[in-house]
Amino acid sequence: MGKIRLVLVATVAVLILLSWLPVLYVAAKKPVTSARKEDIPFIKCQVCEKLAAELYQQVQKKQSQIAPKKISEYQIIEIAENVCNLKKEEADWILKIDIVEQGDKLELVEQDSEGQCNSECKTIEKACQEIMGYSDTDIAEFIYASKPDTESLVNYLCKDLTKACSKRPPPVPKDRTPGEAFIPKPSKEAEMDKIMRSMEGMPGAPNMKMYSRDDLMRNNFGDEDADEDEDEDEANFPTNLGKLLREKENKKGDWTQKITEGILNTGETLKRHARKVSSRIQNWWQGRKAASGKNSKTGKSEL
């Protein structure tokens, strides 16, 4: 199993490497500063209003994708559960917001592009989570049953359900330390983040790190001990990759390069959407398990 997991990760890593030279960003967790909880009272109502608007837009978008079928309450709950979690796509809206000092107030200003996630980003996420709390099912039920417009949804979420806008925010202390400047995130980095995030459910993905192109080609994708893994599943891997792996005993130094060539020959273009990678790997794995079960019944070993 260890060998299979390593190669699945290597497969995706090489494809991304080919398009994003010279540095490969593989699910590395960037250090981010913590939320400034003391700022939440000054922005809570604004965050709630933006949260309500985002819920409305995402539900409408989901409905347009599945039309004429009606969006289910479960699908709305899923959006509500993820909309305040920066690890999920539904919370990408938070990355476009800058907290700006305006006299004794803090204003949330939406930018044209996503920014680097710093303490302001984490503060907005924390405020969003405090507002949503355990109300995700309640808000989902309201949206599903009432089909409100944006204004009605803001009133329900921010005034009736959570009280986030029940009173005016206090003035900002004069000695408050200003937040960081908004730093736009390069478009390629933003797209890479989305790809890596969609790969989180793949085997081995939680252990991915950041490596340069040279590191990957020199160090077995950052795992110098890979050759010590079990070889029991090697013969069952897709044909051309399996052959390449069997040659690694005498050609350890260049096996990753040969995997690259094998992947290119398959013609699979997975770099644009890692979800397709996950789907195809899952289908292959299910087929392999089915074949393995059949072979075990007949007493024949799989070639």
Protein backbone atom coordinates (compact mmCIF):
# COMPACT_ATOMS: atom_id res chain seq x y z
CA MET A 1 0.00 0.00 0.00
CA GLY A 2 2.87 2.37 0.77
CA LYS A 3 4.19 2.01 -2.78
CA ILE A 4 0.81 2.73 -4.34
CA ARG A 5 0.34 5.84 -2.24
CA LEU A 6 3.76 7.18 -3.12
CA VAL A 7 3.25 6.71 -6.84
CA LEU A 8 -0.22 8.28 -6.82
CA VAL A 9 1.25 11.36 -5.18
CA ALA A 10 4.19 11.31 -7.59
CA THR A 11 1.83 11.11 -10.57
CA VAL A 12 -0.02 14.26 -9.64
CA ALA A 13 3.14 16.02 -8.53
CA VAL A 14 4.89 15.47 -11.87
CA LEU A 15 1.91 16.76 -13.86
CA ILE A 16 1.79 19.91 -11.81
CA LEU A 17 5.56 20.24 -12.03
CA LEU A 18 5.43 20.28 -15.82
CA SER A 19 3.16 23.33 -15.83
CA TRP A 20 4.36 25.23 -12.79
CA LEU A 21 8.15 25.34 -13.10
CA PRO A 22 10.48 26.06 -11.42
CA VAL A 23 8.84 25.55 -8.03
CA LEU A 24 6.25 22.92 -7.15
CA TYR A 25 3.77 23.84 -4.47
CA VAL A 26 2.43 20.57 -3.04
CA ALA A 27 -0.10 21.07 -0.27
CA ALA A 28 2.47 22.83 1.90
CA LYS A 29 0.83 24.60 4.77
CA LYS A 30 2.02 28.17 4.78
CA PRO A 31 2.55 29.77 8.14
CA VAL A 32 -0.22 32.26 8.85
CA THR A 33 -0.59 34.60 11.76
CA SER A 34 -3.48 34.03 14.13
CA ALA A 35 -6.77 35.90 14.20
CA ARG A 36 -6.98 39.18 16.09
CA LYS A 37 -9.99 38.31 18.21
CA GLU A 38 -10.09 41.80 19.72
CA ASP A 39 -11.04 43.16 16.26
CA ILE A 40 -14.10 40.95 15.84
CA PRO A 41 -16.61 43.26 17.64
CA PHE A 42 -15.71 46.05 15.19
CA ILE A 43 -16.39 43.98 12.06
CA LYS A 44 -18.90 41.33 13.14
CA CYS A 45 -21.97 42.97 11.61
CA GLN A 46 -20.20 43.66 8.32
CA VAL A 47 -18.92 40.09 8.17
CA CYS A 48 -22.46 38.81 8.78
CA GLU A 49 -23.86 40.93 5.95
CA LYS A 50 -21.21 39.69 3.55
CA LEU A 51 -21.73 36.13 4.77
CA ALA A 52 -25.46 36.32 4.07
CA ALA A 53 -24.84 37.75 0.59
CA GLU A 54 -22.30 35.00 -0.10
CA LEU A 55 -24.69 32.27 1.03
CA TYR A 56 -27.35 33.64 -1.29
CA GLN A 57 -24.97 33.81 -4.27
CA GLN A 58 -23.53 30.35 -3.72
CA VAL A 59 -26.95 28.76 -3.38
CA GLN A 60 -28.08 30.48 -6.58
CA LYS A 61 -24.93 29.32 -8.37
CA LYS A 62 -25.43 25.75 -7.20
CA GLN A 63 -29.05 25.83 -8.32
CA SER A 64 -28.04 27.01 -11.79
CA GLN A 65 -25.55 24.13 -12.04
CA ILE A 66 -28.08 21.41 -11.29
CA ALA A 67 -31.17 22.93 -12.95
CA PRO A 68 -33.86 21.85 -13.67
CA LYS A 69 -33.37 19.70 -10.59
CA LYS A 70 -34.14 21.56 -7.37
CA ILE A 71 -31.30 22.14 -4.93
CA SER A 72 -31.67 19.98 -1.85
CA GLU A 73 -31.58 21.13 1.75
CA TYR A 74 -28.55 18.92 2.28
CA GLN A 75 -26.65 20.76 -0.47
CA ILE A 76 -27.48 24.09 1.17
CA ILE A 77 -26.32 22.76 4.54
CA GLU A 78 -23.04 21.72 2.94
CA ILE A 79 -22.51 25.27 1.66
CA ALA A 80 -23.36 26.72 5.07
CA GLU A 81 -20.94 24.33 6.79
CA ASN A 82 -18.04 25.27 4.51
CA VAL A 83 -18.56 28.98 3.87
CA CYS A 84 -16.55 30.01 6.96
CA ASN A 85 -13.75 27.46 6.57
CA LEU A 86 -10.74 28.71 4.63
CA LYS A 87 -9.76 25.15 3.83
CA LYS A 88 -12.88 24.91 1.67
CA GLU A 89 -13.63 26.49 -1.69
CA GLU A 90 -16.85 28.03 -0.36
CA ALA A 91 -14.77 30.35 1.86
CA ASP A 92 -12.66 31.85 -0.94
CA TRP A 93 -14.69 35.05 -0.63
CA ILE A 94 -12.84 35.80 2.62
CA LEU A 95 -9.53 36.02 0.75
CA LYS A 96 -10.80 39.02 -1.24
CA ILE A 97 -11.59 41.20 1.76
CA ASP A 98 -9.27 43.81 3.26
CA ILE A 99 -9.84 45.36 6.68
CA VAL A 100 -9.28 49.10 6.34
CA GLU A 101 -8.99 51.64 9.17
CA GLN A 102 -11.43 54.52 8.76
CA GLY A 103 -11.14 56.86 11.75
CA ASP A 104 -12.65 55.05 14.72
CA LYS A 105 -14.14 52.35 12.49
CA LEU A 106 -12.96 49.30 10.60
CA GLU A 107 -14.33 48.84 7.12
CA LEU A 108 -14.39 45.63 5.08
CA VAL A 109 -13.33 46.48 1.54
CA GLU A 110 -13.70 43.87 -1.18
CA GLN A 111 -10.75 43.61 -3.58
CA ASP A 112 -10.65 42.46 -7.19
CA SER A 113 -8.45 39.46 -6.47
CA GLU A 114 -7.56 37.10 -3.66
CA GLY A 115 -4.89 38.19 -1.21
CA GLN A 116 -2.32 36.44 0.93
CA CYS A 117 -3.97 35.09 4.06
CA ASN A 118 -2.61 36.94 7.08
CA SER A 119 -4.07 37.89 10.45
CA GLU A 120 -6.87 39.93 8.82
CA CYS A 121 -7.94 36.94 6.74
CA LYS A 122 -7.95 34.72 9.83
CA THR A 123 -9.84 37.37 11.81
CA ILE A 124 -12.63 37.47 9.23
CA GLU A 125 -12.76 33.68 9.20
CA LYS A 126 -13.02 33.62 13.00
CA ALA A 127 -15.78 36.24 13.01
CA CYS A 128 -17.65 34.28 10.35
CA GLN A 129 -17.40 31.10 12.41
CA GLU A 130 -18.66 32.85 15.52
CA ILE A 131 -21.65 34.17 13.59
CA MET A 132 -22.51 30.85 11.98
CA GLY A 133 -21.87 28.81 15.13
CA TYR A 134 -24.35 25.94 15.20
CA SER A 135 -26.84 27.80 13.01
CA ASP A 136 -25.84 26.22 9.70
CA THR A 137 -28.84 23.88 9.63
CA ASP A 138 -31.22 26.67 10.69
CA ILE A 139 -30.03 29.03 7.98
CA ALA A 140 -30.11 26.21 5.41
CA GLU A 141 -33.68 25.35 6.36
CA PHE A 142 -34.70 29.00 6.05
CA ILE A 143 -33.11 29.34 2.61
CA TYR A 144 -34.62 26.07 1.39
CA ALA A 145 -38.13 26.78 2.67
CA SER A 146 -38.42 30.56 2.17
CA LYS A 147 -36.23 31.19 -0.89
CA PRO A 148 -35.38 34.67 0.44
CA ASP A 149 -33.72 37.49 -1.47
CA THR A 150 -30.43 38.92 -0.20
CA GLU A 151 -32.01 41.58 2.00
CA SER A 152 -34.36 39.10 3.68
CA LEU A 153 -31.50 36.69 4.27
CA VAL A 154 -29.36 39.44 5.84
CA ASN A 155 -32.19 40.41 8.18
CA TYR A 156 -32.84 36.82 9.22
CA LEU A 157 -29.20 35.83 9.75
CA CYS A 158 -27.81 39.04 11.19
CA LYS A 159 -30.73 40.37 13.21
CA ASP A 160 -33.13 37.55 14.02
CA LEU A 161 -30.97 34.43 14.21
CA THR A 162 -27.52 35.58 15.42
CA LYS A 163 -28.03 39.18 16.60
CA ALA A 164 -24.71 40.07 14.93
CA CYS A 165 -26.17 43.41 13.81
CA SER A 166 -28.47 44.02 16.76
CA LYS A 167 -26.31 46.93 17.97
CA ARG A 168 -23.75 49.31 16.53
CA PRO A 169 -20.08 48.30 16.80
CA PRO A 170 -18.00 50.10 19.44
CA PRO A 171 -15.43 52.70 18.37
CA VAL A 172 -11.95 51.41 17.57
CA PRO A 173 -9.36 52.31 20.24
CA LYS A 174 -6.93 55.00 19.15
CA ASP A 175 -3.95 52.88 20.18
CA ARG A 176 -4.98 49.89 18.07
CA THR A 177 -2.12 48.53 15.98
CA PRO A 178 -3.03 48.78 12.26
CA GLY A 179 -3.43 45.56 10.32
CA GLU A 180 -1.25 44.36 7.47
CA ALA A 181 -1.52 45.78 3.98
CA PHE A 182 -3.53 43.73 1.48
CA ILE A 183 -1.10 41.75 -0.69
CA PRO A 184 -2.65 40.30 -3.87
CA LYS A 185 -1.91 36.64 -4.46
CA PRO A 186 -0.40 35.77 -7.88
CA SER A 187 -3.04 34.14 -10.08
CA LYS A 188 -0.97 30.99 -10.58
CA GLU A 189 -0.53 30.60 -6.85
CA ALA A 190 -4.26 31.04 -6.27
CA GLU A 191 -5.05 28.38 -8.88
CA MET A 192 -2.43 26.06 -7.40
CA ASP A 193 -3.97 26.47 -3.96
CA LYS A 194 -7.32 25.38 -5.35
CA ILE A 195 -5.80 22.33 -7.04
CA MET A 196 -3.94 21.27 -3.91
CA ARG A 197 -7.01 21.78 -1.75
CA SER A 198 -9.07 19.53 -4.02
CA MET A 199 -6.41 16.83 -3.62
CA GLU A 200 -6.73 16.67 0.17
CA GLY A 201 -8.79 13.48 0.05
CA MET A 202 -6.22 11.58 -1.99
CA PRO A 203 -4.00 8.94 -0.34
CA GLY A 204 -0.79 10.50 0.92
CA ALA A 205 -1.91 14.07 0.31
CA PRO A 206 -1.73 15.19 3.99
CA ASN A 207 2.02 14.43 3.95
CA MET A 208 2.83 16.49 0.87
CA LYS A 209 5.47 19.18 1.18
CA MET A 210 7.03 21.93 -0.94
CA TYR A 211 9.91 20.89 -3.21
CA SER A 212 11.78 22.55 -6.03
CA ARG A 213 12.09 20.90 -9.43
CA ASP A 214 15.68 19.81 -8.66
CA ASP A 215 14.64 18.37 -5.31
CA LEU A 216 11.94 16.27 -6.92
CA MET A 217 14.22 14.84 -9.59
CA ARG A 218 17.08 14.23 -7.14
CA ASN A 219 15.29 12.95 -4.06
CA ASN A 220 12.49 10.63 -5.15
CA PHE A 221 9.87 13.36 -4.65
CA GLY A 222 11.31 14.16 -1.23
CA ASP A 223 11.19 10.55 0.00
CA GLU A 224 14.65 8.99 -0.05
CA ASP A 225 13.40 5.90 1.79
CA ALA A 226 10.72 5.11 -0.77
CA ASP A 227 12.58 2.02 -2.00
CA GLU A 228 12.10 0.38 1.40
CA ASP A 229 8.33 0.18 1.04
CA GLU A 230 6.55 -3.09 0.30
CA ASP A 231 6.35 -4.17 -3.32
CA GLU A 232 3.21 -6.28 -2.98
CA ASP A 233 0.98 -3.94 -5.02
CA GLU A 234 3.54 -2.89 -7.60
CA ALA A 235 2.48 -5.37 -10.28
CA ASN A 236 -1.12 -4.16 -10.13
CA PHE A 237 -0.35 -0.53 -10.97
CA PRO A 238 -1.32 0.68 -14.49
CA THR A 239 0.83 -1.06 -17.11
CA ASN A 240 3.45 1.47 -18.17
CA LEU A 241 4.00 2.89 -14.69
CA GLY A 242 4.26 -0.59 -13.21
CA LYS A 243 7.01 -1.52 -15.65
CA LEU A 244 8.93 1.61 -14.83
CA LEU A 245 8.70 0.89 -11.13
CA ARG A 246 9.99 -2.66 -11.59
CA GLU A 247 13.13 -1.21 -13.14
CA LYS A 248 13.91 0.92 -10.13
CA GLU A 249 16.11 -1.70 -8.46
CA ASN A 250 18.95 -0.97 -10.87
CA LYS A 251 18.00 2.53 -11.91
CA LYS A 252 16.95 4.29 -8.75
CA GLY A 253 18.55 7.55 -9.79
CA ASP A 254 16.29 8.18 -12.76
CA TRP A 255 13.03 6.38 -11.93
CA THR A 256 11.13 9.61 -11.34
CA GLN A 257 12.14 10.88 -14.78
CA LYS A 258 10.84 7.67 -16.35
CA ILE A 259 7.56 8.03 -14.50
CA THR A 260 7.29 11.51 -16.00
CA GLU A 261 7.75 10.10 -19.50
CA GLY A 262 5.23 7.34 -18.84
CA ILE A 263 2.65 9.84 -17.62
CA LEU A 264 3.12 12.03 -20.68
CA ASN A 265 2.57 9.01 -22.94
CA THR A 266 -0.79 8.28 -21.39
CA GLY A 267 -2.11 11.62 -22.59
CA GLU A 268 -3.98 12.23 -19.35
CA THR A 269 -4.26 15.95 -18.76
CA LEU A 270 -4.99 16.20 -15.07
CA LYS A 271 -3.16 19.42 -14.23
CA ARG A 272 -6.21 21.70 -14.60
CA HIS A 273 -8.50 19.91 -12.23
CA ALA A 274 -7.25 17.63 -9.47
CA ARG A 275 -10.75 16.36 -8.78
CA LYS A 276 -10.52 14.47 -12.06
CA VAL A 277 -7.31 12.90 -10.80
CA SER A 278 -9.04 11.73 -7.64
CA SER A 279 -12.02 10.37 -9.56
CA ARG A 280 -9.92 8.41 -12.02
CA ILE A 281 -7.67 6.99 -9.31
CA GLN A 282 -10.69 5.93 -7.28
CA ASN A 283 -12.22 4.19 -10.29
CA TRP A 284 -8.96 2.35 -10.97
CA TRP A 285 -8.60 1.36 -7.31
CA GLN A 286 -12.16 0.02 -7.15
CA GLY A 287 -11.55 -2.01 -10.29
CA ARG A 288 -8.32 -3.35 -8.85
CA LYS A 289 -10.04 -4.42 -5.63
CA ALA A 290 -12.80 -6.13 -7.60
CA ALA A 291 -10.25 -7.98 -9.73
CA SER A 292 -8.26 -8.91 -6.64
CA GLY A 293 -11.39 -10.32 -4.97
CA LYS A 294 -12.20 -12.35 -8.07
CA ASN A 295 -8.69 -13.74 -8.25
CA SER A 296 -8.72 -14.73 -4.61
CA LYS A 297 -11.89 -16.78 -5.19
CA THR A 298 -10.50 -18.62 -8.21
CA GLY A 299 -7.13 -19.23 -6.56
CA LYS A 300 -5.30 -17.61 -9.48
CA SER A 301 -2.73 -14.85 -8.93
CA GLU A 302 -3.10 -11.61 -10.85
CA LEU A 303 -0.43 -11.09 -13.54
